Amino acid sequence: MWWGLFSVGGTIAAFLLPAMILVVGILGPMGIASEATSFVRIDSALDGLISKIGFVVVFSTITMHCMHRIGALVPDLKIPVSKKLASAIGHLGALIMTAAVLVLLLDS
């Protein structure tokens, strides 16, 4: 199961996240895509339950991928923590971040 989340998160992080950063973080502030990235438009897009679930899935898979990578990096950095402990802390952190995003989205 963890490998599935890792691979999906890696795929999303490689293909979808750069496009989102380009549109929302670069083209929007430059005024090129200001209509598409306006607060009202993004707020209305995230208003539906399906959109919120999709956002949580994208966010959770990316954080699982990131935390798995960090857990694998710990031994290479010679940090005196066991690989299992680093992996457990990383996955717990990803679950906590996902739960926080879920609470914030369902609260709005």
N, C-alpha and C. Protein backbone atom coordinates (compact mmCIF):
# COMPACT_ATOMS: atom_id res chain seq x y z
N MET A 1 0.82 -1.19 0.00
CA MET A 1 0.00 0.00 0.00
C MET A 1 0.87 1.26 0.00
N TRP A 2 1.93 1.26 0.81
CA TRP A 2 2.79 2.44 0.87
C TRP A 2 3.45 2.72 -0.47
N TRP A 3 3.81 1.63 -1.19
CA TRP A 3 4.45 1.84 -2.49
C TRP A 3 3.48 2.44 -3.49
N GLY A 4 2.22 2.06 -3.38
CA GLY A 4 1.21 2.65 -4.28
C GLY A 4 1.06 4.14 -4.04
N LEU A 5 0.99 4.54 -2.77
CA LEU A 5 0.90 5.97 -2.44
C LEU A 5 2.16 6.70 -2.88
N PHE A 6 3.31 6.03 -2.71
CA PHE A 6 4.58 6.64 -3.11
C PHE A 6 4.61 6.88 -4.62
N SER A 7 4.20 5.88 -5.40
CA SER A 7 4.28 6.03 -6.86
C SER A 7 3.25 7.03 -7.38
N VAL A 8 2.04 7.00 -6.85
CA VAL A 8 1.03 7.98 -7.27
C VAL A 8 1.46 9.39 -6.88
N GLY A 9 1.99 9.53 -5.67
CA GLY A 9 2.47 10.84 -5.23
C GLY A 9 3.61 11.36 -6.09
N GLY A 10 4.50 10.46 -6.48
CA GLY A 10 5.60 10.86 -7.36
C GLY A 10 5.12 11.29 -8.72
N THR A 11 4.15 10.58 -9.26
CA THR A 11 3.60 10.95 -10.56
C THR A 11 2.89 12.30 -10.50
N ILE A 12 2.09 12.49 -9.47
CA ILE A 12 1.39 13.77 -9.31
C ILE A 12 2.39 14.89 -9.08
N ALA A 13 3.39 14.63 -8.23
CA ALA A 13 4.39 15.66 -7.95
C ALA A 13 5.19 16.01 -9.19
N ALA A 14 5.40 15.05 -10.08
CA ALA A 14 6.20 15.30 -11.27
C ALA A 14 5.41 16.00 -12.38
N PHE A 15 4.14 15.68 -12.52
CA PHE A 15 3.38 16.20 -13.65
C PHE A 15 2.37 17.29 -13.29
N LEU A 16 1.61 17.09 -12.22
CA LEU A 16 0.53 18.02 -11.91
C LEU A 16 0.99 19.22 -11.10
N LEU A 17 1.86 18.99 -10.13
CA LEU A 17 2.29 20.08 -9.24
C LEU A 17 3.03 21.20 -9.99
N PRO A 18 3.95 20.90 -10.91
CA PRO A 18 4.59 22.01 -11.64
C PRO A 18 3.60 22.84 -12.45
N ALA A 19 2.59 22.19 -13.03
CA ALA A 19 1.58 22.95 -13.78
C ALA A 19 0.77 23.84 -12.85
N MET A 20 0.43 23.31 -11.67
CA MET A 20 -0.32 24.12 -10.71
C MET A 20 0.52 25.30 -10.23
N ILE A 21 1.80 25.07 -9.97
CA ILE A 21 2.68 26.16 -9.53
C ILE A 21 2.81 27.20 -10.63
N LEU A 22 2.94 26.76 -11.88
CA LEU A 22 3.07 27.69 -13.00
C LEU A 22 1.83 28.57 -13.12
N VAL A 23 0.66 27.97 -13.10
CA VAL A 23 -0.57 28.74 -13.31
C VAL A 23 -0.88 29.63 -12.11
N VAL A 24 -0.87 29.05 -10.90
CA VAL A 24 -1.29 29.81 -9.72
C VAL A 24 -0.17 30.70 -9.17
N GLY A 25 1.07 30.23 -9.23
CA GLY A 25 2.16 30.97 -8.61
C GLY A 25 2.91 31.93 -9.51
N ILE A 26 2.87 31.70 -10.83
CA ILE A 26 3.65 32.55 -11.74
C ILE A 26 2.75 33.32 -12.70
N LEU A 27 1.92 32.60 -13.46
CA LEU A 27 1.09 33.27 -14.47
C LEU A 27 0.00 34.14 -13.85
N GLY A 28 -0.56 33.70 -12.72
CA GLY A 28 -1.59 34.50 -12.05
C GLY A 28 -1.07 35.84 -11.57
N PRO A 29 0.01 35.86 -10.78
CA PRO A 29 0.54 37.14 -10.31
C PRO A 29 1.05 38.04 -11.44
N MET A 30 1.49 37.45 -12.56
CA MET A 30 1.96 38.26 -13.68
C MET A 30 0.80 38.87 -14.46
N GLY A 31 -0.43 38.42 -14.18
CA GLY A 31 -1.59 38.96 -14.87
C GLY A 31 -1.97 38.20 -16.12
N ILE A 32 -1.22 37.16 -16.45
CA ILE A 32 -1.51 36.39 -17.66
C ILE A 32 -2.73 35.50 -17.46
N ALA A 33 -2.84 34.89 -16.30
CA ALA A 33 -3.97 34.01 -16.00
C ALA A 33 -4.73 34.52 -14.79
N SER A 34 -4.85 35.83 -14.67
CA SER A 34 -5.45 36.40 -13.47
C SER A 34 -6.93 36.05 -13.33
N GLU A 35 -7.64 35.92 -14.44
CA GLU A 35 -9.06 35.55 -14.38
C GLU A 35 -9.22 34.13 -13.84
N ALA A 36 -8.39 33.22 -14.31
CA ALA A 36 -8.50 31.81 -13.89
C ALA A 36 -8.03 31.59 -12.47
N THR A 37 -7.14 32.44 -11.98
CA THR A 37 -6.58 32.23 -10.64
C THR A 37 -7.11 33.22 -9.61
N SER A 38 -8.23 33.83 -9.91
CA SER A 38 -8.80 34.77 -8.93
C SER A 38 -9.32 33.99 -7.72
N PHE A 39 -9.38 34.66 -6.58
CA PHE A 39 -9.82 34.01 -5.35
C PHE A 39 -11.23 33.47 -5.48
N VAL A 40 -12.10 34.25 -6.09
CA VAL A 40 -13.51 33.84 -6.22
C VAL A 40 -13.61 32.57 -7.07
N ARG A 41 -12.85 32.51 -8.13
CA ARG A 41 -12.90 31.34 -9.02
C ARG A 41 -12.35 30.09 -8.34
N ILE A 42 -11.22 30.22 -7.66
CA ILE A 42 -10.64 29.06 -6.97
C ILE A 42 -11.53 28.65 -5.80
N ASP A 43 -12.09 29.61 -5.09
CA ASP A 43 -12.99 29.29 -3.98
C ASP A 43 -14.23 28.55 -4.46
N SER A 44 -14.78 28.98 -5.58
CA SER A 44 -15.97 28.29 -6.10
C SER A 44 -15.61 26.91 -6.65
N ALA A 45 -14.39 26.76 -7.17
CA ALA A 45 -13.97 25.45 -7.67
C ALA A 45 -13.79 24.45 -6.54
N LEU A 46 -13.34 24.91 -5.37
CA LEU A 46 -13.14 24.03 -4.22
C LEU A 46 -14.37 23.93 -3.34
N ASP A 47 -15.49 24.47 -3.79
CA ASP A 47 -16.69 24.49 -2.97
C ASP A 47 -17.40 23.14 -2.94
N GLY A 48 -17.30 22.37 -4.00
CA GLY A 48 -18.00 21.09 -4.06
C GLY A 48 -17.27 19.99 -3.30
N LEU A 49 -18.01 19.00 -2.87
CA LEU A 49 -17.44 17.90 -2.11
C LEU A 49 -16.46 17.08 -2.94
N ILE A 50 -16.79 16.85 -4.20
CA ILE A 50 -15.90 16.08 -5.08
C ILE A 50 -14.57 16.80 -5.26
N SER A 51 -14.60 18.11 -5.43
CA SER A 51 -13.37 18.89 -5.57
C SER A 51 -12.53 18.82 -4.31
N LYS A 52 -13.18 18.89 -3.16
CA LYS A 52 -12.46 18.81 -1.89
C LYS A 52 -11.81 17.45 -1.72
N ILE A 53 -12.53 16.40 -2.06
CA ILE A 53 -11.96 15.06 -1.97
C ILE A 53 -10.78 14.92 -2.93
N GLY A 54 -10.92 15.43 -4.13
CA GLY A 54 -9.82 15.39 -5.10
C GLY A 54 -8.60 16.14 -4.61
N PHE A 55 -8.81 17.31 -4.01
CA PHE A 55 -7.69 18.08 -3.48
C PHE A 55 -7.00 17.32 -2.35
N VAL A 56 -7.78 16.69 -1.47
CA VAL A 56 -7.20 15.92 -0.36
C VAL A 56 -6.41 14.73 -0.90
N VAL A 57 -6.92 14.07 -1.94
CA VAL A 57 -6.19 12.93 -2.53
C VAL A 57 -4.87 13.40 -3.12
N VAL A 58 -4.90 14.49 -3.88
CA VAL A 58 -3.67 15.02 -4.47
C VAL A 58 -2.69 15.43 -3.38
N PHE A 59 -3.16 16.15 -2.38
CA PHE A 59 -2.28 16.61 -1.30
C PHE A 59 -1.71 15.44 -0.51
N SER A 60 -2.55 14.45 -0.19
CA SER A 60 -2.08 13.34 0.64
C SER A 60 -1.07 12.47 -0.10
N THR A 61 -1.28 12.24 -1.39
CA THR A 61 -0.30 11.42 -2.12
C THR A 61 1.03 12.14 -2.27
N ILE A 62 0.98 13.45 -2.48
CA ILE A 62 2.24 14.20 -2.58
C ILE A 62 2.97 14.21 -1.24
N THR A 63 2.25 14.39 -0.13
CA THR A 63 2.93 14.39 1.17
C THR A 63 3.45 13.00 1.52
N MET A 64 2.72 11.94 1.18
CA MET A 64 3.22 10.59 1.41
C MET A 64 4.51 10.36 0.63
N HIS A 65 4.53 10.80 -0.62
CA HIS A 65 5.73 10.66 -1.44
C HIS A 65 6.90 11.44 -0.83
N CYS A 66 6.63 12.67 -0.44
CA CYS A 66 7.67 13.52 0.14
C CYS A 66 8.22 12.92 1.43
N MET A 67 7.35 12.48 2.31
CA MET A 67 7.81 11.93 3.59
C MET A 67 8.53 10.61 3.41
N HIS A 68 8.14 9.82 2.41
CA HIS A 68 8.86 8.58 2.14
C HIS A 68 10.28 8.88 1.66
N ARG A 69 10.39 9.89 0.81
CA ARG A 69 11.72 10.31 0.34
C ARG A 69 12.59 10.81 1.48
N ILE A 70 12.00 11.61 2.36
CA ILE A 70 12.76 12.13 3.50
C ILE A 70 13.19 10.99 4.41
N GLY A 71 12.30 10.02 4.64
CA GLY A 71 12.66 8.86 5.45
C GLY A 71 13.79 8.05 4.84
N ALA A 72 13.82 7.95 3.52
CA ALA A 72 14.91 7.23 2.85
C ALA A 72 16.20 8.04 2.84
N LEU A 73 16.10 9.34 2.98
CA LEU A 73 17.27 10.21 2.97
C LEU A 73 18.00 10.24 4.31
N VAL A 74 17.28 9.97 5.39
CA VAL A 74 17.84 10.07 6.75
C VAL A 74 19.12 9.24 6.92
N PRO A 75 19.16 7.95 6.51
CA PRO A 75 20.41 7.21 6.67
C PRO A 75 21.56 7.78 5.83
N ASP A 76 21.25 8.31 4.66
CA ASP A 76 22.29 8.89 3.81
C ASP A 76 22.90 10.14 4.43
N LEU A 77 22.13 10.85 5.22
CA LEU A 77 22.63 12.05 5.89
C LEU A 77 23.35 11.74 7.20
N LYS A 78 23.43 10.44 7.53
CA LYS A 78 24.11 9.98 8.75
C LYS A 78 23.46 10.53 10.01
N ILE A 79 22.15 10.70 9.98
CA ILE A 79 21.41 11.12 11.17
C ILE A 79 21.21 9.87 12.02
N PRO A 80 21.57 9.93 13.30
CA PRO A 80 21.54 8.71 14.13
C PRO A 80 20.13 8.30 14.56
N VAL A 81 19.30 7.96 13.58
CA VAL A 81 17.94 7.49 13.83
C VAL A 81 17.74 6.25 12.97
N SER A 82 17.05 5.26 13.50
CA SER A 82 16.82 4.06 12.70
C SER A 82 15.92 4.39 11.51
N LYS A 83 16.09 3.61 10.45
CA LYS A 83 15.31 3.86 9.24
C LYS A 83 13.81 3.64 9.50
N LYS A 84 13.48 2.65 10.32
CA LYS A 84 12.07 2.39 10.63
C LYS A 84 11.45 3.56 11.39
N LEU A 85 12.20 4.11 12.35
CA LEU A 85 11.68 5.24 13.12
C LEU A 85 11.51 6.47 12.22
N ALA A 86 12.49 6.73 11.37
CA ALA A 86 12.39 7.87 10.46
C ALA A 86 11.20 7.71 9.51
N SER A 87 11.00 6.48 9.03
CA SER A 87 9.87 6.22 8.14
C SER A 87 8.54 6.40 8.87
N ALA A 88 8.47 5.89 10.10
CA ALA A 88 7.24 6.02 10.88
C ALA A 88 6.92 7.48 11.18
N ILE A 89 7.94 8.25 11.55
CA ILE A 89 7.74 9.67 11.83
C ILE A 89 7.29 10.41 10.56
N GLY A 90 7.91 10.08 9.44
CA GLY A 90 7.54 10.71 8.18
C GLY A 90 6.11 10.42 7.77
N HIS A 91 5.73 9.15 7.84
CA HIS A 91 4.36 8.80 7.46
C HIS A 91 3.34 9.36 8.43
N LEU A 92 3.68 9.40 9.70
CA LEU A 92 2.79 10.01 10.68
C LEU A 92 2.62 11.51 10.39
N GLY A 93 3.72 12.17 10.03
CA GLY A 93 3.65 13.59 9.66
C GLY A 93 2.77 13.81 8.45
N ALA A 94 2.88 12.93 7.46
CA ALA A 94 2.04 13.04 6.26
C ALA A 94 0.57 12.84 6.61
N LEU A 95 0.29 11.89 7.49
CA LEU A 95 -1.10 11.66 7.90
C LEU A 95 -1.65 12.84 8.69
N ILE A 96 -0.82 13.44 9.54
CA ILE A 96 -1.26 14.61 10.31
C ILE A 96 -1.55 15.79 9.38
N MET A 97 -0.65 16.02 8.41
CA MET A 97 -0.87 17.12 7.47
C MET A 97 -2.13 16.89 6.63
N THR A 98 -2.35 15.66 6.20
CA THR A 98 -3.54 15.33 5.43
C THR A 98 -4.80 15.53 6.26
N ALA A 99 -4.76 15.11 7.51
CA ALA A 99 -5.91 15.30 8.40
C ALA A 99 -6.20 16.78 8.61
N ALA A 100 -5.14 17.59 8.74
CA ALA A 100 -5.32 19.03 8.93
C ALA A 100 -5.97 19.65 7.69
N VAL A 101 -5.51 19.26 6.51
CA VAL A 101 -6.11 19.79 5.28
C VAL A 101 -7.56 19.33 5.16
N LEU A 102 -7.82 18.09 5.51
CA LEU A 102 -9.19 17.58 5.46
C LEU A 102 -10.11 18.35 6.39
N VAL A 103 -9.65 18.62 7.60
CA VAL A 103 -10.46 19.39 8.56
C VAL A 103 -10.69 20.81 8.04
N LEU A 104 -9.65 21.44 7.51
CA LEU A 104 -9.79 22.81 7.00
C LEU A 104 -10.75 22.88 5.82
N LEU A 105 -10.68 21.90 4.92
CA LEU A 105 -11.57 21.92 3.76
C LEU A 105 -13.01 21.60 4.13
N LEU A 106 -13.21 20.66 5.03
CA LEU A 106 -14.58 20.31 5.40
C LEU A 106 -15.20 21.36 6.30
N ASP A 107 -14.37 22.14 6.97
CA ASP A 107 -14.87 23.20 7.85
C ASP A 107 -15.36 24.40 7.05
N SER A 108 -14.81 24.59 5.85
CA SER A 108 -15.19 25.78 5.06
C SER A 108 -16.43 25.54 4.24
